[in-house]
């Protein structure tokens, strides 16, 4: 799902996104 990763600007694995009410509210990398 490279398109989904690109849509959410994920440039490295692992990247963790936190969503609440349909919006990204936080992220961590590595």
ModelCIF file with pLDDT and N, C-alpha, C, O atoms, coordinates in Angstrom:
data_MODEL
#
_entry.id   MODEL 
#
_entity.id                         1 
_entity.type                       polymer 
_entity.pdbx_number_of_molecules   1 
#
_entity_poly.entity_id                      1 
_entity_poly.type                           'polypeptide(L)' 
_entity_poly.nstd_linkage                   no 
_entity_poly.nstd_monomer                   no 
_entity_poly.pdbx_seq_one_letter_code       
;(UNK)(UNK)(UNK)(UNK)(UNK)(UNK)(UNK)(UNK)(UNK)(UNK)(UNK)(UNK)(UNK)(UNK)(UNK)(UNK)
(UNK)(UNK)(UNK)(UNK)(UNK)(UNK)(UNK)(UNK)(UNK)(UNK)(UNK)(UNK)(UNK)(UNK)
;
_entity_poly.pdbx_seq_one_letter_code_can   XXXXXXXXXXXXXXXXXXXXXXXXXXXXXX 
_entity_poly.pdbx_strand_id                 A 
#
loop_
_entity_poly_seq.entity_id 
_entity_poly_seq.num 
_entity_poly_seq.mon_id 
_entity_poly_seq.hetero 
1 1  UNK n 
1 2  UNK n 
1 3  UNK n 
1 4  UNK n 
1 5  UNK n 
1 6  UNK n 
1 7  UNK n 
1 8  UNK n 
1 9  UNK n 
1 10 UNK n 
1 11 UNK n 
1 12 UNK n 
1 13 UNK n 
1 14 UNK n 
1 15 UNK n 
1 16 UNK n 
1 17 UNK n 
1 18 UNK n 
1 19 UNK n 
1 20 UNK n 
1 21 UNK n 
1 22 UNK n 
1 23 UNK n 
1 24 UNK n 
1 25 UNK n 
1 26 UNK n 
1 27 UNK n 
1 28 UNK n 
1 29 UNK n 
1 30 UNK n 
#
_struct_asym.id          A 
_struct_asym.entity_id   1 
#
loop_
_ma_qa_metric.id 
_ma_qa_metric.mode 
_ma_qa_metric.name 
_ma_qa_metric.software_group_id 
_ma_qa_metric.type 
1 global pLDDT . pLDDT 
2 local  pLDDT . pLDDT 
#
_ma_qa_metric_global.metric_id      1 
_ma_qa_metric_global.metric_value   96.47 
_ma_qa_metric_global.model_id       1 
_ma_qa_metric_global.ordinal_id     1 
#
loop_
_ma_qa_metric_local.label_asym_id 
_ma_qa_metric_local.label_comp_id 
_ma_qa_metric_local.label_seq_id 
_ma_qa_metric_local.metric_id 
_ma_qa_metric_local.metric_value 
_ma_qa_metric_local.model_id 
_ma_qa_metric_local.ordinal_id 
A UNK 1  2 96.00 1 1  
A UNK 2  2 96.00 1 2  
A UNK 3  2 95.00 1 3  
A UNK 4  2 96.00 1 4  
A UNK 5  2 96.00 1 5  
A UNK 6  2 96.00 1 6  
A UNK 7  2 96.00 1 7  
A UNK 8  2 96.00 1 8  
A UNK 9  2 96.00 1 9  
A UNK 10 2 96.00 1 10 
A UNK 11 2 94.00 1 11 
A UNK 12 2 94.00 1 12 
A UNK 13 2 96.00 1 13 
A UNK 14 2 97.00 1 14 
A UNK 15 2 98.00 1 15 
A UNK 16 2 98.00 1 16 
A UNK 17 2 98.00 1 17 
A UNK 18 2 98.00 1 18 
A UNK 19 2 98.00 1 19 
A UNK 20 2 97.00 1 20 
A UNK 21 2 96.00 1 21 
A UNK 22 2 96.00 1 22 
A UNK 23 2 97.00 1 23 
A UNK 24 2 97.00 1 24 
A UNK 25 2 98.00 1 25 
A UNK 26 2 98.00 1 26 
A UNK 27 2 97.00 1 27 
A UNK 28 2 97.00 1 28 
A UNK 29 2 96.00 1 29 
A UNK 30 2 95.00 1 30 
#
loop_
_atom_site.group_PDB 
_atom_site.id 
_atom_site.type_symbol 
_atom_site.label_atom_id 
_atom_site.label_alt_id 
_atom_site.label_comp_id 
_atom_site.label_asym_id 
_atom_site.label_entity_id 
_atom_site.label_seq_id 
_atom_site.pdbx_PDB_ins_code 
_atom_site.Cartn_x 
_atom_site.Cartn_y 
_atom_site.Cartn_z 
_atom_site.occupancy 
_atom_site.B_iso_or_equiv 
_atom_site.pdbx_formal_charge 
_atom_site.auth_seq_id 
_atom_site.auth_comp_id 
_atom_site.auth_asym_id 
_atom_site.auth_atom_id 
_atom_site.pdbx_PDB_model_num 
ATOM 1   N N  . UNK A 1 1  ? 0.837   -1.201 0.000  1.00 96.00 ? 1  UNK A N  1 
ATOM 2   C CA . UNK A 1 1  ? 0.000   0.000  0.000  1.00 96.00 ? 1  UNK A CA 1 
ATOM 3   C C  . UNK A 1 1  ? 0.873   1.252  0.000  1.00 96.00 ? 1  UNK A C  1 
ATOM 4   O O  . UNK A 1 1  ? 0.753   2.119  0.866  1.00 96.00 ? 1  UNK A O  1 
ATOM 5   N N  . UNK A 1 2  ? 1.749   1.319  -0.990 1.00 96.00 ? 2  UNK A N  1 
ATOM 6   C CA . UNK A 1 2  ? 2.679   2.448  -1.107 1.00 96.00 ? 2  UNK A CA 1 
ATOM 7   C C  . UNK A 1 2  ? 1.934   3.768  -1.306 1.00 96.00 ? 2  UNK A C  1 
ATOM 8   O O  . UNK A 1 2  ? 2.374   4.805  -0.811 1.00 96.00 ? 2  UNK A O  1 
ATOM 9   N N  . UNK A 1 3  ? 0.812   3.738  -2.024 1.00 95.00 ? 3  UNK A N  1 
ATOM 10  C CA . UNK A 1 3  ? 0.033   4.970  -2.235 1.00 95.00 ? 3  UNK A CA 1 
ATOM 11  C C  . UNK A 1 3  ? -0.517  5.496  -0.920 1.00 95.00 ? 3  UNK A C  1 
ATOM 12  O O  . UNK A 1 3  ? -0.528  6.706  -0.690 1.00 95.00 ? 3  UNK A O  1 
ATOM 13  N N  . UNK A 1 4  ? -0.969  4.608  -0.065 1.00 96.00 ? 4  UNK A N  1 
ATOM 14  C CA . UNK A 1 4  ? -1.494  4.999  1.242  1.00 96.00 ? 4  UNK A CA 1 
ATOM 15  C C  . UNK A 1 4  ? -0.375  5.582  2.110  1.00 96.00 ? 4  UNK A C  1 
ATOM 16  O O  . UNK A 1 4  ? -0.578  6.576  2.806  1.00 96.00 ? 4  UNK A O  1 
ATOM 17  N N  . UNK A 1 5  ? 0.794   4.963  2.064  1.00 96.00 ? 5  UNK A N  1 
ATOM 18  C CA . UNK A 1 5  ? 1.945   5.490  2.799  1.00 96.00 ? 5  UNK A CA 1 
ATOM 19  C C  . UNK A 1 5  ? 2.318   6.880  2.283  1.00 96.00 ? 5  UNK A C  1 
ATOM 20  O O  . UNK A 1 5  ? 2.593   7.784  3.072  1.00 96.00 ? 5  UNK A O  1 
ATOM 21  N N  . UNK A 1 6  ? 2.327   7.048  0.986  1.00 96.00 ? 6  UNK A N  1 
ATOM 22  C CA . UNK A 1 6  ? 2.660   8.348  0.398  1.00 96.00 ? 6  UNK A CA 1 
ATOM 23  C C  . UNK A 1 6  ? 1.616   9.398  0.761  1.00 96.00 ? 6  UNK A C  1 
ATOM 24  O O  . UNK A 1 6  ? 1.956   10.545 1.049  1.00 96.00 ? 6  UNK A O  1 
ATOM 25  N N  . UNK A 1 7  ? 0.360   9.007  0.747  1.00 96.00 ? 7  UNK A N  1 
ATOM 26  C CA . UNK A 1 7  ? -0.734  9.924  1.092  1.00 96.00 ? 7  UNK A CA 1 
ATOM 27  C C  . UNK A 1 7  ? -0.570  10.468 2.516  1.00 96.00 ? 7  UNK A C  1 
ATOM 28  O O  . UNK A 1 7  ? -0.932  11.610 2.798  1.00 96.00 ? 7  UNK A O  1 
ATOM 29  N N  . UNK A 1 8  ? -0.027  9.644  3.399  1.00 96.00 ? 8  UNK A N  1 
ATOM 30  C CA . UNK A 1 8  ? 0.165   10.058 4.795  1.00 96.00 ? 8  UNK A CA 1 
ATOM 31  C C  . UNK A 1 8  ? 1.606   10.467 5.096  1.00 96.00 ? 8  UNK A C  1 
ATOM 32  O O  . UNK A 1 8  ? 2.009   10.587 6.253  1.00 96.00 ? 8  UNK A O  1 
ATOM 33  N N  . UNK A 1 9  ? 2.371   10.677 4.020  1.00 96.00 ? 9  UNK A N  1 
ATOM 34  C CA . UNK A 1 9  ? 3.746   11.171 4.125  1.00 96.00 ? 9  UNK A CA 1 
ATOM 35  C C  . UNK A 1 9  ? 4.625   10.297 5.014  1.00 96.00 ? 9  UNK A C  1 
ATOM 36  O O  . UNK A 1 9  ? 5.427   10.795 5.804  1.00 96.00 ? 9  UNK A O  1 
ATOM 37  N N  . UNK A 1 10 ? 4.459   9.004  4.872  1.00 96.00 ? 10 UNK A N  1 
ATOM 38  C CA . UNK A 1 10 ? 5.291   8.043  5.592  1.00 96.00 ? 10 UNK A CA 1 
ATOM 39  C C  . UNK A 1 10 ? 6.531   7.790  4.750  1.00 96.00 ? 10 UNK A C  1 
ATOM 40  O O  . UNK A 1 10 ? 6.443   7.299  3.625  1.00 96.00 ? 10 UNK A O  1 
ATOM 41  N N  . UNK A 1 11 ? 7.689   8.130  5.309  1.00 94.00 ? 11 UNK A N  1 
ATOM 42  C CA . UNK A 1 11 ? 8.943   8.022  4.562  1.00 94.00 ? 11 UNK A CA 1 
ATOM 43  C C  . UNK A 1 11 ? 9.831   6.879  5.045  1.00 94.00 ? 11 UNK A C  1 
ATOM 44  O O  . UNK A 1 11 ? 10.790  6.521  4.361  1.00 94.00 ? 11 UNK A O  1 
ATOM 45  N N  . UNK A 1 12 ? 9.532   6.300  6.210  1.00 94.00 ? 12 UNK A N  1 
ATOM 46  C CA . UNK A 1 12 ? 10.375  5.241  6.765  1.00 94.00 ? 12 UNK A CA 1 
ATOM 47  C C  . UNK A 1 12 ? 9.521   4.260  7.548  1.00 94.00 ? 12 UNK A C  1 
ATOM 48  O O  . UNK A 1 12 ? 8.441   4.590  8.037  1.00 94.00 ? 12 UNK A O  1 
ATOM 49  N N  . UNK A 1 13 ? 10.040  3.046  7.651  1.00 96.00 ? 13 UNK A N  1 
ATOM 50  C CA . UNK A 1 13 ? 9.374   2.022  8.454  1.00 96.00 ? 13 UNK A CA 1 
ATOM 51  C C  . UNK A 1 13 ? 10.249  1.731  9.663  1.00 96.00 ? 13 UNK A C  1 
ATOM 52  O O  . UNK A 1 13 ? 11.472  1.676  9.537  1.00 96.00 ? 13 UNK A O  1 
ATOM 53  N N  . UNK A 1 14 ? 9.652   1.546  10.815 1.00 97.00 ? 14 UNK A N  1 
ATOM 54  C CA . UNK A 1 14 ? 8.228   1.741  11.116 1.00 97.00 ? 14 UNK A CA 1 
ATOM 55  C C  . UNK A 1 14 ? 7.898   3.204  11.403 1.00 97.00 ? 14 UNK A C  1 
ATOM 56  O O  . UNK A 1 14 ? 8.696   3.941  11.984 1.00 97.00 ? 14 UNK A O  1 
ATOM 57  N N  . UNK A 1 15 ? 6.726   3.592  10.988 1.00 98.00 ? 15 UNK A N  1 
ATOM 58  C CA . UNK A 1 15 ? 6.151   4.881  11.365 1.00 98.00 ? 15 UNK A CA 1 
ATOM 59  C C  . UNK A 1 15 ? 4.784   4.576  11.958 1.00 98.00 ? 15 UNK A C  1 
ATOM 60  O O  . UNK A 1 15 ? 4.001   3.823  11.379 1.00 98.00 ? 15 UNK A O  1 
ATOM 61  N N  . UNK A 1 16 ? 4.503   5.160  13.112 1.00 98.00 ? 16 UNK A N  1 
ATOM 62  C CA . UNK A 1 16 ? 3.210   4.950  13.763 1.00 98.00 ? 16 UNK A CA 1 
ATOM 63  C C  . UNK A 1 16 ? 2.445   6.256  13.757 1.00 98.00 ? 16 UNK A C  1 
ATOM 64  O O  . UNK A 1 16 ? 2.927   7.280  14.240 1.00 98.00 ? 16 UNK A O  1 
ATOM 65  N N  . UNK A 1 17 ? 1.242   6.204  13.199 1.00 98.00 ? 17 UNK A N  1 
ATOM 66  C CA . UNK A 1 17 ? 0.349   7.356  13.198 1.00 98.00 ? 17 UNK A CA 1 
ATOM 67  C C  . UNK A 1 17 ? -0.775  7.078  14.183 1.00 98.00 ? 17 UNK A C  1 
ATOM 68  O O  . UNK A 1 17 ? -1.257  5.951  14.298 1.00 98.00 ? 17 UNK A O  1 
ATOM 69  N N  . UNK A 1 18 ? -1.177  8.106  14.878 1.00 98.00 ? 18 UNK A N  1 
ATOM 70  C CA . UNK A 1 18 ? -2.294  8.016  15.821 1.00 98.00 ? 18 UNK A CA 1 
ATOM 71  C C  . UNK A 1 18 ? -3.438  8.844  15.269 1.00 98.00 ? 18 UNK A C  1 
ATOM 72  O O  . UNK A 1 18 ? -3.267  10.027 14.974 1.00 98.00 ? 18 UNK A O  1 
ATOM 73  N N  . UNK A 1 19 ? -4.600  8.232  15.127 1.00 98.00 ? 19 UNK A N  1 
ATOM 74  C CA . UNK A 1 19 ? -5.775  8.909  14.601 1.00 98.00 ? 19 UNK A CA 1 
ATOM 75  C C  . UNK A 1 19 ? -6.852  8.984  15.672 1.00 98.00 ? 19 UNK A C  1 
ATOM 76  O O  . UNK A 1 19 ? -7.051  8.052  16.450 1.00 98.00 ? 19 UNK A O  1 
ATOM 77  N N  . UNK A 1 20 ? -7.536  10.111 15.690 1.00 97.00 ? 20 UNK A N  1 
ATOM 78  C CA . UNK A 1 20 ? -8.697  10.287 16.555 1.00 97.00 ? 20 UNK A CA 1 
ATOM 79  C C  . UNK A 1 20 ? -9.709  11.108 15.787 1.00 97.00 ? 20 UNK A C  1 
ATOM 80  O O  . UNK A 1 20 ? -9.387  12.166 15.246 1.00 97.00 ? 20 UNK A O  1 
ATOM 81  N N  . UNK A 1 21 ? -10.940 10.613 15.743 1.00 96.00 ? 21 UNK A N  1 
ATOM 82  C CA . UNK A 1 21 ? -12.015 11.291 15.007 1.00 96.00 ? 21 UNK A CA 1 
ATOM 83  C C  . UNK A 1 21 ? -11.630 11.557 13.558 1.00 96.00 ? 21 UNK A C  1 
ATOM 84  O O  . UNK A 1 21 ? -11.944 12.610 13.004 1.00 96.00 ? 21 UNK A O  1 
ATOM 85  N N  . UNK A 1 22 ? -10.943 10.586 12.948 1.00 96.00 ? 22 UNK A N  1 
ATOM 86  C CA . UNK A 1 22 ? -10.605 10.680 11.532 1.00 96.00 ? 22 UNK A CA 1 
ATOM 87  C C  . UNK A 1 22 ? -9.421  11.567 11.193 1.00 96.00 ? 22 UNK A C  1 
ATOM 88  O O  . UNK A 1 22 ? -9.118  11.767 10.017 1.00 96.00 ? 22 UNK A O  1 
ATOM 89  N N  . UNK A 1 23 ? -8.753  12.098 12.194 1.00 97.00 ? 23 UNK A N  1 
ATOM 90  C CA . UNK A 1 23 ? -7.620  13.005 11.959 1.00 97.00 ? 23 UNK A CA 1 
ATOM 91  C C  . UNK A 1 23 ? -6.362  12.454 12.622 1.00 97.00 ? 23 UNK A C  1 
ATOM 92  O O  . UNK A 1 23 ? -6.412  11.863 13.700 1.00 97.00 ? 23 UNK A O  1 
ATOM 93  N N  . UNK A 1 24 ? -5.232  12.666 11.945 1.00 97.00 ? 24 UNK A N  1 
ATOM 94  C CA . UNK A 1 24 ? -3.955  12.306 12.555 1.00 97.00 ? 24 UNK A CA 1 
ATOM 95  C C  . UNK A 1 24 ? -3.664  13.299 13.668 1.00 97.00 ? 24 UNK A C  1 
ATOM 96  O O  . UNK A 1 24 ? -3.701  14.511 13.458 1.00 97.00 ? 24 UNK A O  1 
ATOM 97  N N  . UNK A 1 25 ? -3.372  12.772 14.861 1.00 98.00 ? 25 UNK A N  1 
ATOM 98  C CA . UNK A 1 25 ? -3.118  13.644 16.007 1.00 98.00 ? 25 UNK A CA 1 
ATOM 99  C C  . UNK A 1 25 ? -1.693  13.515 16.551 1.00 98.00 ? 25 UNK A C  1 
ATOM 100 O O  . UNK A 1 25 ? -1.256  14.333 17.360 1.00 98.00 ? 25 UNK A O  1 
ATOM 101 N N  . UNK A 1 26 ? -0.969  12.476 16.099 1.00 98.00 ? 26 UNK A N  1 
ATOM 102 C CA . UNK A 1 26 ? 0.402   12.299 16.568 1.00 98.00 ? 26 UNK A CA 1 
ATOM 103 C C  . UNK A 1 26 ? 1.077   11.283 15.665 1.00 98.00 ? 26 UNK A C  1 
ATOM 104 O O  . UNK A 1 26 ? 0.408   10.542 14.945 1.00 98.00 ? 26 UNK A O  1 
ATOM 105 N N  . UNK A 1 27 ? 2.424   11.249 15.704 1.00 97.00 ? 27 UNK A N  1 
ATOM 106 C CA . UNK A 1 27 ? 3.168   10.228 14.965 1.00 97.00 ? 27 UNK A CA 1 
ATOM 107 C C  . UNK A 1 27 ? 4.529   10.018 15.597 1.00 97.00 ? 27 UNK A C  1 
ATOM 108 O O  . UNK A 1 27 ? 5.098   10.918 16.215 1.00 97.00 ? 27 UNK A O  1 
ATOM 109 N N  . UNK A 1 28 ? 5.039   8.802  15.428 1.00 97.00 ? 28 UNK A N  1 
ATOM 110 C CA . UNK A 1 28 ? 6.397   8.477  15.851 1.00 97.00 ? 28 UNK A CA 1 
ATOM 111 C C  . UNK A 1 28 ? 7.070   7.755  14.698 1.00 97.00 ? 28 UNK A C  1 
ATOM 112 O O  . UNK A 1 28 ? 6.409   7.167  13.842 1.00 97.00 ? 28 UNK A O  1 
ATOM 113 N N  . UNK A 1 29 ? 8.379   7.808  14.689 1.00 96.00 ? 29 UNK A N  1 
ATOM 114 C CA . UNK A 1 29 ? 9.146   7.098  13.657 1.00 96.00 ? 29 UNK A CA 1 
ATOM 115 C C  . UNK A 1 29 ? 10.203  6.234  14.331 1.00 96.00 ? 29 UNK A C  1 
ATOM 116 O O  . UNK A 1 29 ? 10.778  6.608  15.353 1.00 96.00 ? 29 UNK A O  1 
ATOM 117 N N  . UNK A 1 30 ? 10.444  5.076  13.738 1.00 95.00 ? 30 UNK A N  1 
ATOM 118 C CA . UNK A 1 30 ? 11.487  4.199  14.247 1.00 95.00 ? 30 UNK A CA 1 
ATOM 119 C C  . UNK A 1 30 ? 10.998  3.355  15.412 1.00 95.00 ? 30 UNK A C  1 
ATOM 120 O O  . UNK A 1 30 ? 11.760  2.558  15.959 1.00 95.00 ? 30 UNK A O  1 
#
